[in-house]
C-alpha atoms as a PDB file:
ATOM      1  CA  UNK A   1      46.729  14.553   7.168  1.00  0.00           C
ATOM      2  CA  UNK A   2      44.359  11.867   6.005  1.00  0.00           C
ATOM      3  CA  UNK A   3      40.667  12.301   6.671  1.00  0.00           C
ATOM      4  CA  UNK A   4      39.056   9.722   8.962  1.00  0.00           C
ATOM      5  CA  UNK A   5      37.346   7.943   6.075  1.00  0.00           C
ATOM      6  CA  UNK A   6      40.703   7.333   4.375  1.00  0.00           C
ATOM      7  CA  UNK A   7      42.243   5.959   7.573  1.00  0.00           C
ATOM      8  CA  UNK A   8      39.274   3.638   7.940  1.00  0.00           C
ATOM      9  CA  UNK A   9      39.765   2.419   4.377  1.00  0.00           C
ATOM     10  CA  UNK A  10      43.493   1.898   4.848  1.00  0.00           C
ATOM     11  CA  UNK A  11      43.196  -0.114   8.074  1.00  0.00           C
ATOM     12  CA  UNK A  12      40.139  -2.118   7.013  1.00  0.00           C
ATOM     13  CA  UNK A  13      41.307  -5.678   6.240  1.00  0.00           C
ATOM     14  CA  UNK A  14      38.944  -5.723   3.221  1.00  0.00           C
ATOM     15  CA  UNK A  15      39.692  -2.090   2.248  1.00  0.00           C
ATOM     16  CA  UNK A  16      36.057  -1.104   1.832  1.00  0.00           C
ATOM     17  CA  UNK A  17      35.650   2.325   0.269  1.00  0.00           C
ATOM     18  CA  UNK A  18      36.245   4.896   3.030  1.00  0.00           C
ATOM     19  CA  UNK A  19      33.257   7.099   2.286  1.00  0.00           C
ATOM     20  CA  UNK A  20      30.962   4.084   2.675  1.00  0.00           C
ATOM     21  CA  UNK A  21      32.729   2.944   5.847  1.00  0.00           C
ATOM     22  CA  UNK A  22      32.224   6.391   7.362  1.00  0.00           C
ATOM     23  CA  UNK A  23      28.432   5.848   7.539  1.00  0.00           C
ATOM     24  CA  UNK A  24      28.892   2.610   9.490  1.00  0.00           C
ATOM     25  CA  UNK A  25      31.579   4.132  11.691  1.00  0.00           C
ATOM     26  CA  UNK A  26      29.202   6.955  12.655  1.00  0.00           C
ATOM     27  CA  UNK A  27      26.502   4.387  13.470  1.00  0.00           C
ATOM     28  CA  UNK A  28      29.003   2.445  15.608  1.00  0.00           C
ATOM     29  CA  UNK A  29      30.009   5.596  17.490  1.00  0.00           C
ATOM     30  CA  UNK A  30      26.396   6.403  18.370  1.00  0.00           C
ATOM     31  CA  UNK A  31      25.423   2.874  19.418  1.00  0.00           C
ATOM     32  CA  UNK A  32      27.990   2.961  22.248  1.00  0.00           C
ATOM     33  CA  UNK A  33      29.140  -0.593  21.615  1.00  0.00           C
ATOM     34  CA  UNK A  34      32.160  -1.800  23.540  1.00  0.00           C
ATOM     35  CA  UNK A  35      33.250  -3.906  20.561  1.00  0.00           C
ATOM     36  CA  UNK A  36      36.047  -2.595  18.317  1.00  0.00           C
ATOM     37  CA  UNK A  37      34.658  -1.080  15.118  1.00  0.00           C
ATOM     38  CA  UNK A  38      35.719  -3.712  12.562  1.00  0.00           C
ATOM     39  CA  UNK A  39      34.717  -6.571  14.845  1.00  0.00           C
ATOM     40  CA  UNK A  40      31.350  -4.884  15.415  1.00  0.00           C
ATOM     41  CA  UNK A  41      30.905  -4.398  11.671  1.00  0.00           C
ATOM     42  CA  UNK A  42      31.926  -7.852  10.455  1.00  0.00           C
ATOM     43  CA  UNK A  43      31.038 -10.369  13.174  1.00  0.00           C
ATOM     44  CA  UNK A  44      29.687  -8.514  16.197  1.00  0.00           C
ATOM     45  CA  UNK A  45      26.592  -6.579  17.130  1.00  0.00           C
ATOM     46  CA  UNK A  46      26.670  -4.524  13.917  1.00  0.00           C
ATOM     47  CA  UNK A  47      26.856  -7.468  11.532  1.00  0.00           C
ATOM     48  CA  UNK A  48      23.146  -7.157  10.749  1.00  0.00           C
ATOM     49  CA  UNK A  49      23.151  -3.361  10.432  1.00  0.00           C
ATOM     50  CA  UNK A  50      22.175  -2.269   6.926  1.00  0.00           C
ATOM     51  CA  UNK A  51      22.139   1.479   6.337  1.00  0.00           C
ATOM     52  CA  UNK A  52      19.870   1.303   3.308  1.00  0.00           C
ATOM     53  CA  UNK A  53      19.410   5.078   3.012  1.00  0.00           C
ATOM     54  CA  UNK A  54      23.067   6.083   3.359  1.00  0.00           C
ATOM     55  CA  UNK A  55      24.938   3.029   2.076  1.00  0.00           C
ATOM     56  CA  UNK A  56      23.363  -0.413   1.736  1.00  0.00           C
ATOM     57  CA  UNK A  57      25.560  -3.166   3.151  1.00  0.00           C
ATOM     58  CA  UNK A  58      25.794  -4.839  -0.267  1.00  0.00           C
ATOM     59  CA  UNK A  59      27.339  -1.623  -1.633  1.00  0.00           C
ATOM     60  CA  UNK A  60      29.737  -1.483   1.327  1.00  0.00           C
ATOM     61  CA  UNK A  61      30.882  -5.038   0.610  1.00  0.00           C
ATOM     62  CA  UNK A  62      31.146  -4.618  -3.165  1.00  0.00           C
ATOM     63  CA  UNK A  63      33.014  -1.312  -3.326  1.00  0.00           C
ATOM     64  CA  UNK A  64      36.474  -2.187  -2.091  1.00  0.00           C
ATOM     65  CA  UNK A  65      39.831  -0.665  -2.954  1.00  0.00           C
ATOM     66  CA  UNK A  66      42.606  -2.860  -4.285  1.00  0.00           C
ATOM     67  CA  UNK A  67      46.022  -1.769  -3.098  1.00  0.00           C
ATOM     68  CA  UNK A  68      48.709  -2.864  -5.535  1.00  0.00           C
ATOM     69  CA  UNK A  69      52.018  -4.331  -4.489  1.00  0.00           C
ATOM     70  CA  UNK A  70      55.346  -3.267  -5.944  1.00  0.00           C
ATOM     71  CA  UNK A  71      55.243  -5.774  -8.809  1.00  0.00           C
ATOM     72  CA  UNK A  72      51.576  -5.097  -9.581  1.00  0.00           C
ATOM     73  CA  UNK A  73      52.215  -1.338  -9.809  1.00  0.00           C
ATOM     74  CA  UNK A  74      54.778  -1.747 -12.590  1.00  0.00           C
ATOM     75  CA  UNK A  75      51.983  -2.716 -14.988  1.00  0.00           C
ATOM     76  CA  UNK A  76      50.462   0.764 -14.545  1.00  0.00           C
ATOM     77  CA  UNK A  77      53.668   2.783 -14.287  1.00  0.00           C
ATOM     78  CA  UNK A  78      53.837   5.991 -16.291  1.00  0.00           C
ATOM     79  CA  UNK A  79      57.111   7.874 -16.736  1.00  0.00           C
ATOM     80  CA  UNK A  80      57.847  11.310 -18.142  1.00  0.00           C
ATOM     81  CA  UNK A  81      60.355  11.474 -21.012  1.00  0.00           C
ATOM     82  CA  UNK A  82      61.013  14.706 -22.886  1.00  0.00           C
ATOM     83  CA  UNK A  83      57.894  16.237 -21.339  1.00  0.00           C
ATOM     84  CA  UNK A  84      55.649  13.367 -22.491  1.00  0.00           C
ATOM     85  CA  UNK A  85      53.910  10.697 -20.492  1.00  0.00           C
ATOM     86  CA  UNK A  86      55.083   7.237 -21.553  1.00  0.00           C
ATOM     87  CA  UNK A  87      52.981   4.224 -20.634  1.00  0.00           C
END
């Protein structure tokens, strides 16, 4: 079962790093906003929130995960032949 931070990362349209997103998600939970989390974060009431101590917004925006498509993954594929990793 994926931890919450990994679900957040996977469903985030920009795929911000989940551990960073978790700080903002916790802030959103405690502010009792009626806006959905990602709307709150990107364009809503939380757009100006900058958690400098935990995760500055610039870090949140810079540390994103790139999910590779099927063709992109082939560049990094490693196979095992005769007990050896072949790149």
